[in-house]
Protein backbone atom coordinates (compact mmCIF):
# COMPACT_ATOMS: atom_id res chain seq x y z
CA MET A 1 5.40 10.01 -49.24
CA SER A 2 5.93 13.66 -50.81
CA ALA A 3 8.44 15.88 -49.66
CA THR A 4 5.66 18.32 -47.98
CA GLU A 5 4.70 15.17 -45.57
CA THR A 6 8.22 14.93 -44.32
CA ARG A 7 8.98 18.57 -43.73
CA ALA A 8 8.61 19.15 -39.63
CA VAL A 9 5.78 21.24 -38.73
CA VAL A 10 6.16 24.23 -36.76
CA LEU A 11 3.20 26.17 -34.90
CA VAL A 12 4.25 29.96 -34.27
CA VAL A 13 2.03 31.35 -31.75
CA ASP A 14 1.38 35.12 -31.21
CA ASP A 15 -1.19 37.35 -30.94
CA ALA A 16 0.57 39.96 -32.91
CA ALA A 17 0.10 39.25 -36.68
CA ILE A 18 3.32 41.27 -37.66
CA ASP A 19 5.37 39.24 -35.31
CA ARG A 20 3.92 35.69 -36.34
CA ARG A 21 5.01 36.54 -40.00
CA LEU A 22 8.52 37.88 -38.96
CA ALA A 23 9.03 34.53 -36.99
CA GLY A 24 7.43 32.48 -39.87
CA GLY A 25 9.38 34.08 -42.35
CA LEU A 26 12.60 33.30 -40.48
CA LEU A 27 11.57 29.65 -40.33
CA GLU A 28 10.98 29.21 -44.07
CA LYS A 29 14.06 30.09 -44.98
CA ASN A 30 14.78 26.18 -43.93
CA PRO A 31 12.80 24.30 -46.70
CA GLY A 32 12.50 21.55 -44.26
CA LEU A 33 10.14 23.28 -42.08
CA ARG A 34 6.60 24.14 -42.71
CA VAL A 35 5.02 26.87 -40.52
CA GLU A 36 1.65 27.07 -39.29
CA TYR A 37 -0.14 29.79 -37.16
CA ALA A 38 -2.23 30.29 -34.25
CA GLU A 39 -3.52 33.90 -32.82
CA HIS A 40 -3.23 32.78 -29.14
CA GLY A 41 -2.96 30.00 -26.63
CA GLN A 42 -6.28 28.72 -26.88
CA ALA A 43 -6.41 28.61 -30.60
CA ALA A 44 -2.95 26.73 -30.70
CA LEU A 45 -4.34 23.98 -28.39
CA ILE A 46 -7.33 23.70 -30.71
CA GLN A 47 -4.96 22.97 -33.80
CA MET A 48 -2.66 20.79 -31.80
CA SER A 49 -5.77 18.57 -30.75
CA ARG A 50 -6.24 18.20 -34.76
CA ARG A 51 -2.86 17.39 -35.50
CA LEU A 52 0.51 17.75 -33.50
CA PRO A 53 3.34 20.02 -34.81
CA ASP A 54 6.81 18.99 -34.21
CA VAL A 55 7.52 21.97 -32.23
CA VAL A 56 5.86 24.90 -31.04
CA VAL A 57 7.17 28.56 -31.11
CA CYS A 58 5.37 30.83 -29.05
CA ASP A 59 5.27 34.54 -27.66
CA LEU A 60 5.57 34.78 -23.71
CA GLN A 61 3.02 37.82 -23.12
CA MET A 62 -0.27 36.75 -25.04
CA PRO A 63 -4.18 37.26 -24.04
CA GLU A 64 -6.27 34.42 -23.60
CA MET A 65 -3.65 32.46 -22.54
CA ASP A 66 0.20 33.51 -21.83
CA GLY A 67 2.99 31.59 -22.83
CA LEU A 68 3.81 30.03 -19.40
CA GLU A 69 0.24 28.41 -19.46
CA LEU A 70 0.59 27.18 -22.64
CA VAL A 71 3.84 25.72 -21.73
CA GLU A 72 2.21 23.74 -18.81
CA GLU A 73 -0.93 22.88 -20.69
CA ILE A 74 1.42 21.41 -23.65
CA ARG A 75 3.48 19.68 -21.48
CA ASN A 76 0.43 18.03 -19.43
CA ARG A 77 -1.42 16.87 -22.77
CA TRP A 78 1.55 16.39 -25.51
CA SER A 79 4.91 15.82 -23.36
CA LEU A 80 7.04 14.93 -26.66
CA VAL A 81 6.21 18.16 -28.17
CA PRO A 82 8.65 20.96 -27.25
CA VAL A 83 8.07 24.55 -26.95
CA ILE A 84 10.25 27.66 -27.40
CA LEU A 85 9.45 30.88 -26.10
CA MET A 86 9.98 34.52 -27.80
CA THR A 87 10.80 36.71 -24.97
CA ALA A 88 10.65 40.45 -24.69
CA HIS A 89 12.97 42.55 -22.77
CA GLY A 90 12.08 42.71 -19.15
CA SER A 91 10.34 39.03 -19.29
CA GLU A 92 13.43 37.15 -18.44
CA GLU A 93 12.20 35.91 -15.07
CA ILE A 94 9.00 34.82 -16.39
CA ALA A 95 10.80 32.80 -19.05
CA VAL A 96 13.39 31.20 -16.73
CA GLN A 97 9.77 29.98 -14.71
CA ALA A 98 8.63 28.68 -17.94
CA LEU A 99 12.01 26.77 -18.49
CA LYS A 100 11.65 25.12 -15.18
CA ARG A 101 7.77 24.15 -16.09
CA GLY A 102 8.85 22.56 -19.10
CA ALA A 103 9.68 24.64 -21.99
CA ALA A 104 12.67 23.61 -24.15
CA SER A 105 14.45 26.88 -25.19
CA TYR A 106 13.82 30.61 -25.49
CA VAL A 107 14.97 33.06 -28.12
CA PRO A 108 14.85 36.97 -27.05
CA LYS A 109 12.72 38.88 -29.87
CA SER A 110 15.90 41.33 -30.11
CA SER A 111 17.73 38.38 -31.59
CA LEU A 112 15.11 36.60 -33.93
CA SER A 113 16.67 36.97 -37.02
CA ARG A 114 20.16 35.35 -35.59
CA ASP A 115 18.58 32.88 -33.31
CA LEU A 116 15.25 31.46 -33.93
CA LEU A 117 16.19 29.56 -36.83
CA ASP A 118 19.13 27.56 -35.18
CA THR A 119 17.31 27.18 -31.91
CA VAL A 120 14.36 25.55 -33.99
CA GLU A 121 16.41 23.09 -35.55
CA ASN A 122 18.38 22.46 -32.56
CA VAL A 123 15.58 21.62 -30.53
CA LEU A 124 13.73 19.63 -33.43
CA ALA A 125 16.97 17.44 -33.63
CA VAL A 126 16.80 16.59 -29.90
CA ALA A 127 13.04 15.83 -29.90
CA ARG A 128 13.70 13.55 -33.14
CA ALA A 129 16.17 11.48 -30.87
CA ASP A 130 13.43 11.36 -27.96
CA ARG A 131 11.25 10.16 -30.30
CA ARG A 132 13.46 7.28 -31.56
CA SER A 133 14.32 6.66 -27.93
CA GLU A 134 10.26 6.13 -27.16
CA GLN A 135 9.93 3.60 -30.24
CA LEU A 136 13.16 1.88 -29.35
CA ARG A 137 11.90 1.68 -25.80
CA ASP A 138 8.69 0.23 -26.93
CA CYS A 139 10.82 -2.88 -28.82
CA LEU A 140 12.19 -3.81 -25.68
CA VAL A 141 11.68 -7.29 -24.51
CA SER A 142 13.86 -7.63 -21.82
CA SER A 143 17.33 -6.78 -20.60
CA GLU A 144 19.67 -7.75 -18.04
CA THR A 145 22.88 -6.05 -16.38
CA VAL A 146 25.17 -6.90 -13.38
CA PHE A 147 27.45 -5.24 -11.32
CA GLU A 148 30.38 -6.65 -9.09
CA LEU A 149 31.61 -3.76 -6.37
CA PRO A 150 34.08 -3.89 -3.80
CA SER A 151 32.64 -2.65 -0.23
CA ASP A 152 33.32 0.80 -1.37
CA PRO A 153 30.91 3.33 0.17
CA GLN A 154 31.95 5.84 -2.55
CA LEU A 155 30.78 3.80 -5.28
CA ILE A 156 27.16 3.75 -3.98
CA PRO A 157 25.94 7.09 -4.86
CA ALA A 158 27.34 6.63 -8.38
CA LEU A 159 25.54 3.55 -8.73
CA VAL A 160 22.64 4.90 -7.53
CA ASP A 161 22.54 7.45 -10.30
CA TYR A 162 23.09 5.25 -12.81
CA LEU A 163 20.39 2.78 -11.88
CA GLN A 164 17.91 5.45 -11.64
CA GLU A 165 18.46 6.23 -15.46
CA TYR A 166 16.71 2.97 -16.14
CA VAL A 167 13.77 4.12 -14.39
CA VAL A 168 13.70 7.55 -16.45
CA TRP A 169 14.79 5.56 -19.74
CA LEU A 170 11.47 3.39 -19.36
CA GLU A 171 9.48 6.27 -17.86
CA LEU A 172 7.98 3.86 -15.08
CA CYS A 173 7.47 6.80 -12.67
CA ASP A 174 7.67 10.53 -12.35
CA GLU A 175 10.18 12.68 -11.06
CA THR A 176 9.39 11.96 -7.33
CA GLY A 177 8.75 8.21 -7.81
CA ARG A 178 12.32 8.27 -9.57
CA VAL A 179 13.64 9.78 -6.37
CA ARG A 180 11.91 7.43 -4.02
CA VAL A 181 13.57 4.42 -6.08
CA GLY A 182 17.14 6.04 -5.83
CA ILE A 183 16.64 6.18 -1.66
CA ALA A 184 15.35 2.61 -1.61
CA LEU A 185 18.38 1.27 -3.75
CA GLU A 186 20.63 3.43 -1.32
CA GLU A 187 19.18 1.99 1.58
CA ALA A 188 19.59 -1.61 0.31
CA LEU A 189 23.07 -1.21 -0.97
CA ASN A 190 24.19 0.59 2.42
CA ASN A 191 22.87 -2.31 4.26
CA ALA A 192 24.54 -4.82 1.99
CA LEU A 193 27.81 -2.91 2.62
CA VAL A 194 27.75 -2.07 6.33
CA HIS A 195 25.26 -4.97 7.98
CA GLY A 196 26.36 -7.57 5.62
CA ASN A 197 30.12 -7.60 4.28
CA LEU A 198 31.20 -5.42 7.18
CA GLU A 199 29.00 -7.07 9.89
CA LEU A 200 28.45 -3.94 11.87
CA THR A 201 25.01 -3.26 13.65
CA ASN A 202 23.38 0.18 14.12
CA GLU A 203 24.53 0.45 17.27
CA GLN A 204 28.33 0.11 16.39
CA LEU A 205 27.84 2.34 13.72
CA ARG A 206 26.01 5.25 15.93
CA GLU A 207 28.94 4.52 18.50
CA SER A 208 31.63 4.92 15.84
CA GLY A 209 30.45 8.02 14.70
CA GLY A 210 31.66 7.15 11.27
CA SER A 211 30.21 8.31 8.19
CA LEU A 212 30.21 6.09 4.93
CA LEU A 213 31.15 9.05 2.85
CA GLU A 214 33.16 10.82 4.98
CA ALA A 215 35.73 8.35 6.47
CA ASP A 216 38.85 9.74 8.47
CA GLY A 217 40.48 6.34 8.62
CA ASP A 218 39.83 5.83 12.34
CA ASP A 219 36.22 4.99 11.99
CA LEU A 220 34.82 1.36 12.17
CA VAL A 221 33.92 1.39 8.70
CA THR A 222 37.19 2.31 7.37
CA GLN A 223 38.79 -0.20 9.88
CA ARG A 224 36.56 -2.87 8.74
CA ARG A 225 37.25 -2.55 4.91
CA GLY A 226 40.99 -2.86 5.93
CA MET A 227 40.49 -6.26 7.69
CA SER A 228 39.93 -9.91 6.29
CA PRO A 229 37.52 -11.41 5.61
CA TYR A 230 35.45 -7.93 5.04
CA ARG A 231 37.73 -6.66 2.59
CA GLU A 232 37.79 -9.50 0.19
CA ARG A 233 33.79 -9.13 -0.04
CA LYS A 234 31.87 -7.97 -2.68
CA ILE A 235 28.56 -6.61 -3.46
CA PHE A 236 26.51 -7.89 -6.16
CA VAL A 237 23.89 -6.13 -8.04
CA GLN A 238 21.80 -7.66 -11.12
CA VAL A 239 18.91 -5.56 -12.74
CA ARG A 240 16.76 -6.82 -15.08
CA PHE A 241 13.73 -4.96 -16.68
CA ASN A 242 11.23 -4.76 -19.64
CA ALA A 243 9.17 -2.23 -20.60
CA ASP A 244 6.62 -2.35 -17.67
CA GLU A 245 8.68 -3.15 -14.56
CA ILE A 246 12.30 -3.34 -13.34
CA GLU A 247 14.15 -5.53 -10.87
CA TYR A 248 17.17 -4.85 -8.55
CA VAL A 249 18.65 -8.08 -6.64
CA ILE A 250 21.37 -6.86 -4.50
CA ARG A 251 23.80 -9.75 -2.58
CA ASP A 252 26.35 -9.22 -0.20
CA GLN A 253 28.60 -12.05 1.15
CA GLY A 254 28.11 -11.38 4.61
CA PRO A 255 26.47 -14.28 6.89
CA GLY A 256 23.06 -12.94 6.48
CA PHE A 257 20.15 -11.97 8.76
CA GLU A 258 16.36 -12.58 9.38
CA PRO A 259 14.25 -9.13 8.61
CA ASP A 260 11.83 -9.15 10.73
CA LEU A 261 9.94 -5.86 10.34
CA PRO A 262 6.28 -5.78 9.72
CA ASP A 263 5.05 -5.27 6.11
CA GLU A 264 3.28 -1.85 7.34
CA PRO A 265 4.79 -0.75 10.24
CA THR A 266 2.98 1.98 12.08
CA ASP A 267 5.10 2.75 15.31
CA LEU A 268 7.88 4.83 13.58
CA VAL A 269 9.83 5.24 17.03
CA LYS A 270 10.07 1.28 17.25
CA VAL A 271 11.09 0.95 13.66
CA GLU A 272 14.15 3.79 14.45
CA ARG A 273 15.02 2.15 17.79
CA GLU A 274 15.38 -1.42 16.21
CA GLY A 275 17.17 -0.19 13.10
CA GLY A 276 14.55 -0.98 10.43
CA ARG A 277 14.30 2.29 9.12
CA GLY A 278 15.76 1.44 5.71
CA LEU A 279 13.85 -1.72 5.54
CA MET A 280 10.31 0.41 5.93
CA LEU A 281 11.79 2.93 3.37
CA MET A 282 12.46 -0.09 0.92
CA ARG A 283 8.97 -1.74 1.50
CA THR A 284 7.17 1.93 1.15
CA PHE A 285 9.14 3.03 -1.95
CA MET A 286 9.09 -0.36 -4.06
CA ASP A 287 6.14 -2.30 -5.17
CA GLU A 288 7.65 -5.68 -3.87
CA VAL A 289 10.54 -6.50 -1.31
CA SER A 290 11.71 -9.91 -0.77
CA PHE A 291 14.76 -11.53 1.17
CA SER A 292 16.36 -14.66 0.61
CA ALA A 293 16.30 -17.49 2.96
CA THR A 294 19.83 -16.50 4.71
CA GLY A 295 18.72 -12.56 4.58
CA ASN A 296 21.85 -11.61 2.24
CA GLU A 297 20.01 -10.82 -0.72
CA VAL A 298 17.34 -8.69 -1.14
CA ARG A 299 14.94 -8.05 -4.35
CA LEU A 300 13.25 -4.89 -5.03
CA LEU A 301 10.63 -4.56 -7.86
CA LYS A 302 9.28 -1.20 -8.96
CA ARG A 303 6.36 -1.79 -11.82
CA ARG A 304 5.17 1.37 -14.25
CA GLU A 305 3.01 3.64 -12.17
CA PRO A 306 -0.63 3.96 -13.94
CA GLN A 307 -1.34 6.47 -16.72
CA ARG A 308 2.68 7.66 -16.95
CA ARG A 309 2.09 8.10 -20.96
CA GLY A 310 0.23 10.72 -22.07
CA PRO A 311 -1.74 10.95 -25.81
CA SER A 312 0.67 11.32 -28.65
């Protein structure tokens, strides 16, 4: 493979020829970069459909298709290609919108000579790491992780956040799906803690008025956590995943219960009254939910949502 083939390709998109050449000249100071040019957003998309660059540097304000529209289109079609915006004075608010919609970074045109090359090099380094991560993910056969937690409600949000990272890394779903998985896990873990290990009913919890995360020492949750046999009990969390699905198994050391919520509950008032909201959320947000015969272990399965990966 020649040195030319190994150089990173930067596509500079700007309707002003002078600005295109200025940006290109700054980038060509790095012999490891090869610069290509497009005069507007539509031309950039045509070039990208033929060959993908490693990074796109584009002006924010252009005819045909502005930088904001180009950022969205590239993110939708080639999500692994980062976009860096060149912004003029007065366009800061639009630049912020572009960052929220997927741009990797921005450089004010007033400081191109100082910051453009460094910004491109930094973004390329991160993008390459992301691509390697994707290659590594494609090599994944299976993995398993096991947690053993005390009955401490303060640990649940941190564990949920950690468990969600698996979904993000595997790209099983979009951001909404990630949040839904987190909600299902939080419900399952709270159920294991409150109803399993501490043996509290929904009615007792409501009457106590205690909050799992804001215990004041007098609430029923805190009292139970200081008593035997409740304080010795643990929550076991087993995570198994491969490239296409992830399974969470959550087990408590309580006496168990018999989950009797219908698979597709339609009477939400009845669900709330009977304390089945958590079970309903789990069954709605996960692809499979099942309980052990004793009811103190729940299995939650999330499969890859269709058409997650775009063209590369």
